[in-house]
Amino acid sequence: MTAQREIDVVHLRLILVSGKTQDFTFSPNDSATDIAKHVFENWPADWEEEQVSSPSILRLIFQGRFLHGNVTLGARVAPPTAHASVSAAGGAERCCRGSQAKLQQIRQKIKT
């Protein structure tokens, strides 16, 4: 009988609609709201031209599902997942500016 390994951290790669990426590490207990706030407060310098005005504008996609509110990563991580991807896009005004081809590229990055 094998014991299920507990996950201490979740490594997320944030991908903007533009395709820029940045890796972050979170606790499985962090909620979507916690993640959006942390990303907003630690916005990467090379994403400056895509800075959003509020963490509530960020849309997080994790394992093919939108994360929002109090939903935690731990509720979505299937052990022994060690690395996952998340897509963060600015609100509708940023998201809708991207072409369908660019959105498809992002979806492909998330799958890898």
PDB file of N, CA and C in Angstrom:
ATOM      1  N   MET A   1       0.842  -1.179   0.000  1.00  0.00           N
ATOM      2  CA  MET A   1       0.000   0.000   0.000  1.00  0.00           C
ATOM      3  C   MET A   1       0.885   1.239   0.000  1.00  0.00           C
ATOM      4  N   THR A   2       0.612   2.161  -0.879  1.00  0.00           N
ATOM      5  CA  THR A   2       1.431   3.374  -0.952  1.00  0.00           C
ATOM      6  C   THR A   2       0.694   4.536  -0.325  1.00  0.00           C
ATOM      7  N   ALA A   3       1.442   5.323   0.401  1.00  0.00           N
ATOM      8  CA  ALA A   3       0.867   6.515   1.033  1.00  0.00           C
ATOM      9  C   ALA A   3       0.833   7.634   0.007  1.00  0.00           C
ATOM     10  N   GLN A   4      -0.228   8.393   0.037  1.00  0.00           N
ATOM     11  CA  GLN A   4      -0.333   9.529  -0.867  1.00  0.00           C
ATOM     12  C   GLN A   4       0.554  10.647  -0.352  1.00  0.00           C
ATOM     13  N   ARG A   5       1.411  11.146  -1.237  1.00  0.00           N
ATOM     14  CA  ARG A   5       2.339  12.206  -0.866  1.00  0.00           C
ATOM     15  C   ARG A   5       1.609  13.535  -0.769  1.00  0.00           C
ATOM     16  N   GLU A   6       1.876  14.240   0.298  1.00  0.00           N
ATOM     17  CA  GLU A   6       1.248  15.543   0.479  1.00  0.00           C
ATOM     18  C   GLU A   6       2.027  16.598  -0.304  1.00  0.00           C
ATOM     19  N   ILE A   7       1.315  17.511  -0.904  1.00  0.00           N
ATOM     20  CA  ILE A   7       1.928  18.569  -1.702  1.00  0.00           C
ATOM     21  C   ILE A   7       2.156  19.784  -0.820  1.00  0.00           C
ATOM     22  N   ASP A   8       3.416  20.227  -0.748  1.00  0.00           N
ATOM     23  CA  ASP A   8       3.767  21.380   0.074  1.00  0.00           C
ATOM     24  C   ASP A   8       3.652  22.694  -0.698  1.00  0.00           C
ATOM     25  N   VAL A   9       4.020  22.654  -1.963  1.00  0.00           N
ATOM     26  CA  VAL A   9       3.983  23.858  -2.795  1.00  0.00           C
ATOM     27  C   VAL A   9       3.451  23.501  -4.181  1.00  0.00           C
ATOM     28  N   VAL A  10       2.931  24.528  -4.833  1.00  0.00           N
ATOM     29  CA  VAL A  10       2.467  24.379  -6.210  1.00  0.00           C
ATOM     30  C   VAL A  10       3.221  25.422  -7.024  1.00  0.00           C
ATOM     31  N   HIS A  11       3.909  24.960  -8.059  1.00  0.00           N
ATOM     32  CA  HIS A  11       4.653  25.854  -8.936  1.00  0.00           C
ATOM     33  C   HIS A  11       3.749  26.219 -10.105  1.00  0.00           C
ATOM     34  N   LEU A  12       3.527  27.499 -10.270  1.00  0.00           N
ATOM     35  CA  LEU A  12       2.663  27.975 -11.342  1.00  0.00           C
ATOM     36  C   LEU A  12       3.442  28.831 -12.318  1.00  0.00           C
ATOM     37  N   ARG A  13       3.164  28.647 -13.585  1.00  0.00           N
ATOM     38  CA  ARG A  13       3.724  29.510 -14.620  1.00  0.00           C
ATOM     39  C   ARG A  13       2.579  30.362 -15.122  1.00  0.00           C
ATOM     40  N   LEU A  14       2.659  31.649 -14.858  1.00  0.00           N
ATOM     41  CA  LEU A  14       1.642  32.572 -15.334  1.00  0.00           C
ATOM     42  C   LEU A  14       1.953  32.950 -16.766  1.00  0.00           C
ATOM     43  N   ILE A  15       0.924  32.954 -17.589  1.00  0.00           N
ATOM     44  CA  ILE A  15       1.083  33.281 -19.000  1.00  0.00           C
ATOM     45  C   ILE A  15       0.103  34.392 -19.340  1.00  0.00           C
ATOM     46  N   LEU A  16       0.644  35.506 -19.782  1.00  0.00           N
ATOM     47  CA  LEU A  16      -0.216  36.602 -20.225  1.00  0.00           C
ATOM     48  C   LEU A  16      -0.741  36.311 -21.616  1.00  0.00           C
ATOM     49  N   VAL A  17      -1.783  37.009 -22.015  1.00  0.00           N
ATOM     50  CA  VAL A  17      -2.324  36.856 -23.362  1.00  0.00           C
ATOM     51  C   VAL A  17      -1.231  37.128 -24.398  1.00  0.00           C
ATOM     52  N   SER A  18      -0.287  37.999 -24.075  1.00  0.00           N
ATOM     53  CA  SER A  18       0.813  38.319 -24.985  1.00  0.00           C
ATOM     54  C   SER A  18       1.802  37.170 -25.131  1.00  0.00           C
ATOM     55  N   GLY A  19       1.720  36.178 -24.226  1.00  0.00           N
ATOM     56  CA  GLY A  19       2.639  35.043 -24.268  1.00  0.00           C
ATOM     57  C   GLY A  19       3.786  35.145 -23.277  1.00  0.00           C
ATOM     58  N   LYS A  20       3.945  36.282 -22.624  1.00  0.00           N
ATOM     59  CA  LYS A  20       5.001  36.423 -21.615  1.00  0.00           C
ATOM     60  C   LYS A  20       4.700  35.514 -20.433  1.00  0.00           C
ATOM     61  N   THR A  21       5.756  34.943 -19.848  1.00  0.00           N
ATOM     62  CA  THR A  21       5.564  34.024 -18.730  1.00  0.00           C
ATOM     63  C   THR A  21       6.400  34.429 -17.523  1.00  0.00           C
ATOM     64  N   GLN A  22       5.966  33.975 -16.368  1.00  0.00           N
ATOM     65  CA  GLN A  22       6.702  34.176 -15.117  1.00  0.00           C
ATOM     66  C   GLN A  22       6.308  33.046 -14.174  1.00  0.00           C
ATOM     67  N   ASP A  23       7.292  32.451 -13.509  1.00  0.00           N
ATOM     68  CA  ASP A  23       7.029  31.375 -12.558  1.00  0.00           C
ATOM     69  C   ASP A  23       6.842  31.932 -11.155  1.00  0.00           C
ATOM     70  N   PHE A  24       5.874  31.373 -10.441  1.00  0.00           N
ATOM     71  CA  PHE A  24       5.584  31.724  -9.057  1.00  0.00           C
ATOM     72  C   PHE A  24       5.398  30.434  -8.273  1.00  0.00           C
ATOM     73  N   THR A  25       5.584  30.490  -6.967  1.00  0.00           N
ATOM     74  CA  THR A  25       5.345  29.351  -6.088  1.00  0.00           C
ATOM     75  C   THR A  25       4.305  29.744  -5.051  1.00  0.00           C
ATOM     76  N   PHE A  26       3.323  28.863  -4.865  1.00  0.00           N
ATOM     77  CA  PHE A  26       2.239  29.122  -3.927  1.00  0.00           C
ATOM     78  C   PHE A  26       1.998  27.901  -3.056  1.00  0.00           C
ATOM     79  N   SER A  27       1.263  28.105  -1.994  1.00  0.00           N
ATOM     80  CA  SER A  27       0.818  27.023  -1.125  1.00  0.00           C
ATOM     81  C   SER A  27      -0.461  26.437  -1.711  1.00  0.00           C
ATOM     82  N   PRO A  28      -0.716  25.144  -1.505  1.00  0.00           N
ATOM     83  CA  PRO A  28      -1.985  24.574  -1.950  1.00  0.00           C
ATOM     84  C   PRO A  28      -3.183  25.233  -1.250  1.00  0.00           C
ATOM     85  N   ASN A  29      -2.938  25.901  -0.128  1.00  0.00           N
ATOM     86  CA  ASN A  29      -4.006  26.579   0.614  1.00  0.00           C
ATOM     87  C   ASN A  29      -4.313  27.973   0.090  1.00  0.00           C
ATOM     88  N   ASP A  30      -3.514  28.465  -0.862  1.00  0.00           N
ATOM     89  CA  ASP A  30      -3.748  29.798  -1.426  1.00  0.00           C
ATOM     90  C   ASP A  30      -4.970  29.766  -2.335  1.00  0.00           C
ATOM     91  N   SER A  31      -5.814  30.763  -2.168  1.00  0.00           N
ATOM     92  CA  SER A  31      -7.023  30.872  -2.990  1.00  0.00           C
ATOM     93  C   SER A  31      -6.711  31.676  -4.257  1.00  0.00           C
ATOM     94  N   ALA A  32      -7.645  31.645  -5.174  1.00  0.00           N
ATOM     95  CA  ALA A  32      -7.497  32.431  -6.396  1.00  0.00           C
ATOM     96  C   ALA A  32      -7.342  33.913  -6.064  1.00  0.00           C
ATOM     97  N   THR A  33      -8.073  34.377  -5.068  1.00  0.00           N
ATOM     98  CA  THR A  33      -7.964  35.776  -4.640  1.00  0.00           C
ATOM     99  C   THR A  33      -6.571  36.061  -4.103  1.00  0.00           C
ATOM    100  N   ASP A  34      -6.016  35.142  -3.290  1.00  0.00           N
ATOM    101  CA  ASP A  34      -4.656  35.301  -2.757  1.00  0.00           C
ATOM    102  C   ASP A  34      -3.634  35.374  -3.889  1.00  0.00           C
ATOM    103  N   ILE A  35      -3.784  34.495  -4.863  1.00  0.00           N
ATOM    104  CA  ILE A  35      -2.840  34.434  -5.984  1.00  0.00           C
ATOM    105  C   ILE A  35      -2.897  35.718  -6.796  1.00  0.00           C
ATOM    106  N   ALA A  36      -4.099  36.163  -7.139  1.00  0.00           N
ATOM    107  CA  ALA A  36      -4.242  37.391  -7.927  1.00  0.00           C
ATOM    108  C   ALA A  36      -3.633  38.579  -7.192  1.00  0.00           C
ATOM    109  N   LYS A  37      -3.867  38.658  -5.885  1.00  0.00           N
ATOM    110  CA  LYS A  37      -3.309  39.760  -5.094  1.00  0.00           C
ATOM    111  C   LYS A  37      -1.779  39.694  -5.080  1.00  0.00           C
ATOM    112  N   HIS A  38      -1.222  38.495  -4.885  1.00  0.00           N
ATOM    113  CA  HIS A  38       0.235  38.337  -4.854  1.00  0.00           C
ATOM    114  C   HIS A  38       0.856  38.715  -6.209  1.00  0.00           C
ATOM    115  N   VAL A  39       0.251  38.242  -7.290  1.00  0.00           N
ATOM    116  CA  VAL A  39       0.775  38.565  -8.622  1.00  0.00           C
ATOM    117  C   VAL A  39       0.696  40.064  -8.867  1.00  0.00           C
ATOM    118  N   PHE A  40      -0.422  40.679  -8.519  1.00  0.00           N
ATOM    119  CA  PHE A  40      -0.580  42.119  -8.705  1.00  0.00           C
ATOM    120  C   PHE A  40       0.481  42.887  -7.919  1.00  0.00           C
ATOM    121  N   GLU A  41       0.714  42.498  -6.666  1.00  0.00           N
ATOM    122  CA  GLU A  41       1.688  43.193  -5.811  1.00  0.00           C
ATOM    123  C   GLU A  41       3.128  42.896  -6.192  1.00  0.00           C
ATOM    124  N   ASN A  42       3.371  41.829  -6.946  1.00  0.00           N
ATOM    125  CA  ASN A  42       4.724  41.433  -7.368  1.00  0.00           C
ATOM    126  C   ASN A  42       4.802  41.348  -8.885  1.00  0.00           C
ATOM    127  N   TRP A  43       4.148  42.284  -9.545  1.00  0.00           N
ATOM    128  CA  TRP A  43       4.070  42.302 -11.003  1.00  0.00           C
ATOM    129  C   TRP A  43       5.479  42.361 -11.596  1.00  0.00           C
ATOM    130  N   PRO A  44       5.844  41.417 -12.461  1.00  0.00           N
ATOM    131  CA  PRO A  44       7.193  41.403 -13.039  1.00  0.00           C
ATOM    132  C   PRO A  44       7.512  42.680 -13.808  1.00  0.00           C
ATOM    133  N   ALA A  45       8.739  43.130 -13.676  1.00  0.00           N
ATOM    134  CA  ALA A  45       9.169  44.378 -14.319  1.00  0.00           C
ATOM    135  C   ALA A  45       9.018  44.311 -15.838  1.00  0.00           C
ATOM    136  N   ASP A  46       9.275  43.143 -16.437  1.00  0.00           N
ATOM    137  CA  ASP A  46       9.185  43.052 -17.890  1.00  0.00           C
ATOM    138  C   ASP A  46       7.742  42.922 -18.395  1.00  0.00           C
ATOM    139  N   TRP A  47       6.776  42.973 -17.488  1.00  0.00           N
ATOM    140  CA  TRP A  47       5.359  43.000 -17.861  1.00  0.00           C
ATOM    141  C   TRP A  47       4.776  44.404 -17.708  1.00  0.00           C
ATOM    142  N   GLU A  48       5.630  45.392 -17.505  1.00  0.00           N
ATOM    143  CA  GLU A  48       5.192  46.743 -17.168  1.00  0.00           C
ATOM    144  C   GLU A  48       4.126  47.297 -18.115  1.00  0.00           C
ATOM    145  N   GLU A  49       4.315  47.093 -19.423  1.00  0.00           N
ATOM    146  CA  GLU A  49       3.356  47.653 -20.379  1.00  0.00           C
ATOM    147  C   GLU A  49       1.988  46.963 -20.322  1.00  0.00           C
ATOM    148  N   GLU A  50       1.909  45.845 -19.608  1.00  0.00           N
ATOM    149  CA  GLU A  50       0.632  45.127 -19.484  1.00  0.00           C
ATOM    150  C   GLU A  50       0.096  45.162 -18.052  1.00  0.00           C
ATOM    151  N   GLN A  51       0.612  46.083 -17.255  1.00  0.00           N
ATOM    152  CA  GLN A  51       0.185  46.216 -15.859  1.00  0.00           C
ATOM    153  C   GLN A  51      -1.318  46.455 -15.787  1.00  0.00           C
ATOM    154  N   VAL A  52      -1.965  45.733 -14.900  1.00  0.00           N
ATOM    155  CA  VAL A  52      -3.406  45.910 -14.691  1.00  0.00           C
ATOM    156  C   VAL A  52      -3.620  46.852 -13.520  1.00  0.00           C
ATOM    157  N   SER A  53      -4.821  47.413 -13.429  1.00  0.00           N
ATOM    158  CA  SER A  53      -5.090  48.417 -12.400  1.00  0.00           C
ATOM    159  C   SER A  53      -5.570  47.826 -11.078  1.00  0.00           C
ATOM    160  N   SER A  54      -5.914  46.537 -11.079  1.00  0.00           N
ATOM    161  CA  SER A  54      -6.450  45.917  -9.873  1.00  0.00           C
ATOM    162  C   SER A  54      -6.276  44.402  -9.958  1.00  0.00           C
ATOM    163  N   PRO A  55      -6.048  43.726  -8.814  1.00  0.00           N
ATOM    164  CA  PRO A  55      -5.938  42.265  -8.867  1.00  0.00           C
ATOM    165  C   PRO A  55      -7.237  41.600  -9.304  1.00  0.00           C
ATOM    166  N   SER A  56      -8.359  42.266  -9.122  1.00  0.00           N
ATOM    167  CA  SER A  56      -9.639  41.664  -9.504  1.00  0.00           C
ATOM    168  C   SER A  56      -9.802  41.540 -11.019  1.00  0.00           C
ATOM    169  N   ILE A  57      -8.953  42.223 -11.777  1.00  0.00           N
ATOM    170  CA  ILE A  57      -9.004  42.139 -13.241  1.00  0.00           C
ATOM    171  C   ILE A  57      -8.374  40.835 -13.737  1.00  0.00           C
ATOM    172  N   LEU A  58      -7.465  40.267 -12.962  1.00  0.00           N
ATOM    173  CA  LEU A  58      -6.770  39.054 -13.388  1.00  0.00           C
ATOM    174  C   LEU A  58      -7.726  37.875 -13.464  1.00  0.00           C
ATOM    175  N   ARG A  59      -7.592  37.084 -14.517  1.00  0.00           N
ATOM    176  CA  ARG A  59      -8.381  35.862 -14.690  1.00  0.00           C
ATOM    177  C   ARG A  59      -7.408  34.693 -14.674  1.00  0.00           C
ATOM    178  N   LEU A  60      -7.604  33.791 -13.755  1.00  0.00           N
ATOM    179  CA  LEU A  60      -6.695  32.668 -13.575  1.00  0.00           C
ATOM    180  C   LEU A  60      -7.319  31.382 -14.097  1.00  0.00           C
ATOM    181  N   ILE A  61      -6.584  30.695 -14.969  1.00  0.00           N
ATOM    182  CA  ILE A  61      -7.019  29.399 -15.485  1.00  0.00           C
ATOM    183  C   ILE A  61      -6.015  28.374 -14.990  1.00  0.00           C
ATOM    184  N   PHE A  62      -6.498  27.350 -14.308  1.00  0.00           N
ATOM    185  CA  PHE A  62      -5.628  26.334 -13.721  1.00  0.00           C
ATOM    186  C   PHE A  62      -6.203  24.964 -14.065  1.00  0.00           C
ATOM    187  N   GLN A  63      -5.395  24.129 -14.697  1.00  0.00           N
ATOM    188  CA  GLN A  63      -5.812  22.794 -15.118  1.00  0.00           C
ATOM    189  C   GLN A  63      -7.116  22.850 -15.913  1.00  0.00           C
ATOM    190  N   GLY A  64      -7.206  23.847 -16.801  1.00  0.00           N
ATOM    191  CA  GLY A  64      -8.338  23.965 -17.695  1.00  0.00           C
ATOM    192  C   GLY A  64      -9.588  24.576 -17.105  1.00  0.00           C
ATOM    193  N   ARG A  65      -9.523  25.059 -15.873  1.00  0.00           N
ATOM    194  CA  ARG A  65     -10.703  25.649 -15.232  1.00  0.00           C
ATOM    195  C   ARG A  65     -10.369  27.023 -14.676  1.00  0.00           C
ATOM    196  N   PHE A  66     -11.362  27.910 -14.728  1.00  0.00           N
ATOM    197  CA  PHE A  66     -11.171  29.215 -14.115  1.00  0.00           C
ATOM    198  C   PHE A  66     -11.152  29.052 -12.607  1.00  0.00           C
ATOM    199  N   LEU A  67     -10.204  29.727 -11.978  1.00  0.00           N
ATOM    200  CA  LEU A  67     -10.164  29.801 -10.515  1.00  0.00           C
ATOM    201  C   LEU A  67     -10.659  31.176 -10.121  1.00  0.00           C
ATOM    202  N   HIS A  68     -11.491  31.233  -9.127  1.00  0.00           N
ATOM    203  CA  HIS A  68     -11.964  32.540  -8.666  1.00  0.00           C
ATOM    204  C   HIS A  68     -12.321  32.455  -7.195  1.00  0.00           C
ATOM    205  N   GLY A  69     -12.314  33.601  -6.562  1.00  0.00           N
ATOM    206  CA  GLY A  69     -12.733  33.695  -5.168  1.00  0.00           C
ATOM    207  C   GLY A  69     -11.916  32.854  -4.212  1.00  0.00           C
ATOM    208  N   ASN A  70     -12.612  32.068  -3.405  1.00  0.00           N
ATOM    209  CA  ASN A  70     -11.968  31.298  -2.340  1.00  0.00           C
ATOM    210  C   ASN A  70     -11.541  29.898  -2.758  1.00  0.00           C
ATOM    211  N   VAL A  71     -11.645  29.567  -4.040  1.00  0.00           N
ATOM    212  CA  VAL A  71     -11.208  28.252  -4.501  1.00  0.00           C
ATOM    213  C   VAL A  71      -9.693  28.164  -4.347  1.00  0.00           C
ATOM    214  N   THR A  72      -9.215  27.128  -3.648  1.00  0.00           N
ATOM    215  CA  THR A  72      -7.776  26.971  -3.414  1.00  0.00           C
ATOM    216  C   THR A  72      -7.141  26.084  -4.466  1.00  0.00           C
ATOM    217  N   LEU A  73      -5.824  26.220  -4.588  1.00  0.00           N
ATOM    218  CA  LEU A  73      -5.085  25.351  -5.498  1.00  0.00           C
ATOM    219  C   LEU A  73      -5.198  23.901  -5.056  1.00  0.00           C
ATOM    220  N   GLY A  74      -5.168  23.678  -3.750  1.00  0.00           N
ATOM    221  CA  GLY A  74      -5.259  22.322  -3.221  1.00  0.00           C
ATOM    222  C   GLY A  74      -6.540  21.619  -3.624  1.00  0.00           C
ATOM    223  N   ALA A  75      -7.595  22.386  -3.832  1.00  0.00           N
ATOM    224  CA  ALA A  75      -8.861  21.801  -4.260  1.00  0.00           C
ATOM    225  C   ALA A  75      -8.794  21.337  -5.708  1.00  0.00           C
ATOM    226  N   ARG A  76      -7.815  21.839  -6.456  1.00  0.00           N
ATOM    227  CA  ARG A  76      -7.683  21.518  -7.881  1.00  0.00           C
ATOM    228  C   ARG A  76      -6.478  20.653  -8.213  1.00  0.00           C
ATOM    229  N   VAL A  77      -5.509  20.528  -7.321  1.00  0.00           N
ATOM    230  CA  VAL A  77      -4.286  19.777  -7.614  1.00  0.00           C
ATOM    231  C   VAL A  77      -4.520  18.303  -7.360  1.00  0.00           C
ATOM    232  N   ALA A  78      -4.213  17.498  -8.352  1.00  0.00           N
ATOM    233  CA  ALA A  78      -4.304  16.055  -8.192  1.00  0.00           C
ATOM    234  C   ALA A  78      -2.909  15.511  -7.915  1.00  0.00           C
ATOM    235  N   PRO A  79      -2.605  15.063  -6.691  1.00  0.00           N
ATOM    236  CA  PRO A  79      -1.271  14.552  -6.398  1.00  0.00           C
ATOM    237  C   PRO A  79      -0.884  13.474  -7.385  1.00  0.00           C
ATOM    238  N   PRO A  80       0.380  13.352  -7.737  1.00  0.00           N
ATOM    239  CA  PRO A  80       1.544  14.078  -7.262  1.00  0.00           C
ATOM    240  C   PRO A  80       1.956  15.228  -8.155  1.00  0.00           C
ATOM    241  N   THR A  81       1.040  16.034  -8.631  1.00  0.00           N
ATOM    242  CA  THR A  81       1.369  17.172  -9.479  1.00  0.00           C
ATOM    243  C   THR A  81       2.421  18.044  -8.810  1.00  0.00           C
ATOM    244  N   ALA A  82       3.520  18.266  -9.513  1.00  0.00           N
ATOM    245  CA  ALA A  82       4.597  19.079  -8.970  1.00  0.00           C
ATOM    246  C   ALA A  82       4.689  20.411  -9.685  1.00  0.00           C
ATOM    247  N   HIS A  83       4.193  20.469 -10.903  1.00  0.00           N
ATOM    248  CA  HIS A  83       4.273  21.715 -11.654  1.00  0.00           C
ATOM    249  C   HIS A  83       3.001  21.870 -12.465  1.00  0.00           C
ATOM    250  N   ALA A  84       2.430  23.040 -12.416  1.00  0.00           N
ATOM    251  CA  ALA A  84       1.193  23.305 -13.135  1.00  0.00           C
ATOM    252  C   ALA A  84       1.309  24.622 -13.869  1.00  0.00           C
ATOM    253  N   SER A  85       0.361  24.896 -14.708  1.00  0.00           N
ATOM    254  CA  SER A  85       0.345  26.152 -15.443  1.00  0.00           C
ATOM    255  C   SER A  85      -0.929  26.903 -15.133  1.00  0.00           C
ATOM    256  N   VAL A  86      -0.821  28.200 -15.191  1.00  0.00           N
ATOM    257  CA  VAL A  86      -1.996  29.055 -15.019  1.00  0.00           C
ATOM    258  C   VAL A  86      -1.883  30.180 -16.019  1.00  0.00           C
ATOM    259  N   SER A  87      -2.968  30.616 -16.515  1.00  0.00           N
ATOM    260  CA  SER A  87      -2.972  31.731 -17.451  1.00  0.00           C
ATOM    261  C   SER A  87      -3.591  32.931 -16.764  1.00  0.00           C
ATOM    262  N   ALA A  88      -2.907  34.035 -16.799  1.00  0.00           N
ATOM    263  CA  ALA A  88      -3.448  35.265 -16.230  1.00  0.00           C
ATOM    264  C   ALA A  88      -3.610  36.251 -17.359  1.00  0.00           C
ATOM    265  N   ALA A  89      -4.815  36.733 -17.517  1.00  0.00           N
ATOM    266  CA  ALA A  89      -5.072  37.712 -18.567  1.00  0.00           C
ATOM    267  C   ALA A  89      -5.748  38.911 -17.937  1.00  0.00           C
ATOM    268  N   GLY A  90      -5.428  40.070 -18.430  1.00  0.00           N
ATOM    269  CA  GLY A  90      -6.104  41.267 -17.955  1.00  0.00           C
ATOM    270  C   GLY A  90      -7.586  41.163 -18.260  1.00  0.00           C
ATOM    271  N   GLY A  91      -8.376  42.066 -17.753  1.00  0.00           N
ATOM    272  CA  GLY A  91      -9.821  42.042 -17.937  1.00  0.00           C
ATOM    273  C   GLY A  91     -10.216  41.968 -19.392  1.00  0.00           C
ATOM    274  N   ALA A  92     -11.483  42.051 -19.643  1.00  0.00           N
ATOM    275  CA  ALA A  92     -12.004  41.867 -20.988  1.00  0.00           C
ATOM    276  C   ALA A  92     -11.331  42.794 -21.997  1.00  0.00           C
ATOM    277  N   GLU A  93     -11.004  43.996 -21.568  1.00  0.00           N
ATOM    278  CA  GLU A  93     -10.390  44.918 -22.519  1.00  0.00           C
ATOM    279  C   GLU A  93      -9.030  44.417 -22.996  1.00  0.00           C
ATOM    280  N   ARG A  94      -8.290  43.705 -22.158  1.00  0.00           N
ATOM    281  CA  ARG A  94      -7.011  43.140 -22.577  1.00  0.00           C
ATOM    282  C   ARG A  94      -7.221  41.805 -23.262  1.00  0.00           C
ATOM    283  N   CYS A  95      -8.052  40.984 -22.696  1.00  0.00           N
ATOM    284  CA  CYS A  95      -8.273  39.641 -23.207  1.00  0.00           C
ATOM    285  C   CYS A  95      -8.799  39.681 -24.639  1.00  0.00           C
ATOM    286  N   CYS A  96      -9.748  40.525 -24.891  1.00  0.00           N
ATOM    287  CA  CYS A  96     -10.394  40.551 -26.189  1.00  0.00           C
ATOM    288  C   CYS A  96      -9.528  41.184 -27.265  1.00  0.00           C
ATOM    289  N   ARG A  97      -8.478  41.896 -26.892  1.00  0.00           N
ATOM    290  CA  ARG A  97      -7.576  42.485 -27.876  1.00  0.00           C
ATOM    291  C   ARG A  97      -6.737  41.416 -28.554  1.00  0.00           C
ATOM    292  N   GLY A  98      -6.499  40.289 -27.869  1.00  0.00           N
ATOM    293  CA  GLY A  98      -5.668  39.227 -28.433  1.00  0.00           C
ATOM    294  C   GLY A  98      -6.396  38.528 -29.560  1.00  0.00           C
ATOM    295  N   SER A  99      -5.638  38.110 -30.555  1.00  0.00           N
ATOM    296  CA  SER A  99      -6.248  37.398 -31.672  1.00  0.00           C
ATOM    297  C   SER A  99      -6.558  35.966 -31.268  1.00  0.00           C
ATOM    298  N   GLN A 100      -7.425  35.324 -32.020  1.00  0.00           N
ATOM    299  CA  GLN A 100      -7.755  33.929 -31.755  1.00  0.00           C
ATOM    300  C   GLN A 100      -6.511  33.054 -31.864  1.00  0.00           C
ATOM    301  N   ALA A 101      -5.625  33.365 -32.808  1.00  0.00           N
ATOM    302  CA  ALA A 101      -4.395  32.587 -32.963  1.00  0.00           C
ATOM    303  C   ALA A 101      -3.520  32.698 -31.712  1.00  0.00           C
ATOM    304  N   LYS A 102      -3.427  33.891 -31.149  1.00  0.00           N
ATOM    305  CA  LYS A 102      -2.619  34.096 -29.946  1.00  0.00           C
ATOM    306  C   LYS A 102      -3.220  33.328 -28.768  1.00  0.00           C
ATOM    307  N   LEU A 103      -4.544  33.352 -28.652  1.00  0.00           N
ATOM    308  CA  LEU A 103      -5.200  32.604 -27.588  1.00  0.00           C
ATOM    309  C   LEU A 103      -4.962  31.110 -27.754  1.00  0.00           C
ATOM    310  N   GLN A 104      -4.963  30.629 -28.984  1.00  0.00           N
ATOM    311  CA  GLN A 104      -4.681  29.214 -29.232  1.00  0.00           C
ATOM    312  C   GLN A 104      -3.243  28.870 -28.833  1.00  0.00           C
ATOM    313  N   GLN A 105      -2.294  29.757 -29.114  1.00  0.00           N
ATOM    314  CA  GLN A 105      -0.898  29.537 -28.711  1.00  0.00           C
ATOM    315  C   GLN A 105      -0.794  29.420 -27.195  1.00  0.00           C
ATOM    316  N   ILE A 106      -1.512  30.263 -26.490  1.00  0.00           N
ATOM    317  CA  ILE A 106      -1.492  30.225 -25.025  1.00  0.00           C
ATOM    318  C   ILE A 106      -2.067  28.914 -24.531  1.00  0.00           C
ATOM    319  N   ARG A 107      -3.157  28.482 -25.132  1.00  0.00           N
ATOM    320  CA  ARG A 107      -3.729  27.196 -24.740  1.00  0.00           C
ATOM    321  C   ARG A 107      -2.730  26.063 -24.932  1.00  0.00           C
ATOM    322  N   GLN A 108      -1.979  26.124 -26.024  1.00  0.00           N
ATOM    323  CA  GLN A 108      -0.967  25.102 -26.282  1.00  0.00           C
ATOM    324  C   GLN A 108       0.140  25.143 -25.234  1.00  0.00           C
ATOM    325  N   LYS A 109       0.562  26.349 -24.818  1.00  0.00           N
ATOM    326  CA  LYS A 109       1.585  26.482 -23.778  1.00  0.00           C
ATOM    327  C   LYS A 109       1.102  25.901 -22.461  1.00  0.00           C
ATOM    328  N   ILE A 110      -0.180  26.103 -22.161  1.00  0.00           N
ATOM    329  CA  ILE A 110      -0.735  25.602 -20.915  1.00  0.00           C
ATOM    330  C   ILE A 110      -0.698  24.085 -20.889  1.00  0.00           C
ATOM    331  N   LYS A 111      -0.930  23.460 -22.034  1.00  0.00           N
ATOM    332  CA  LYS A 111      -0.937  22.003 -22.111  1.00  0.00           C
ATOM    333  C   LYS A 111       0.443  21.395 -21.915  1.00  0.00           C
ATOM    334  N   THR A 112       1.508  22.168 -22.186  1.00  0.00           N
ATOM    335  CA  THR A 112       2.873  21.620 -22.065  1.00  0.00           C
ATOM    336  C   THR A 112       3.465  21.884 -20.716  1.00  0.00           C
TER     337      THR A 112
END
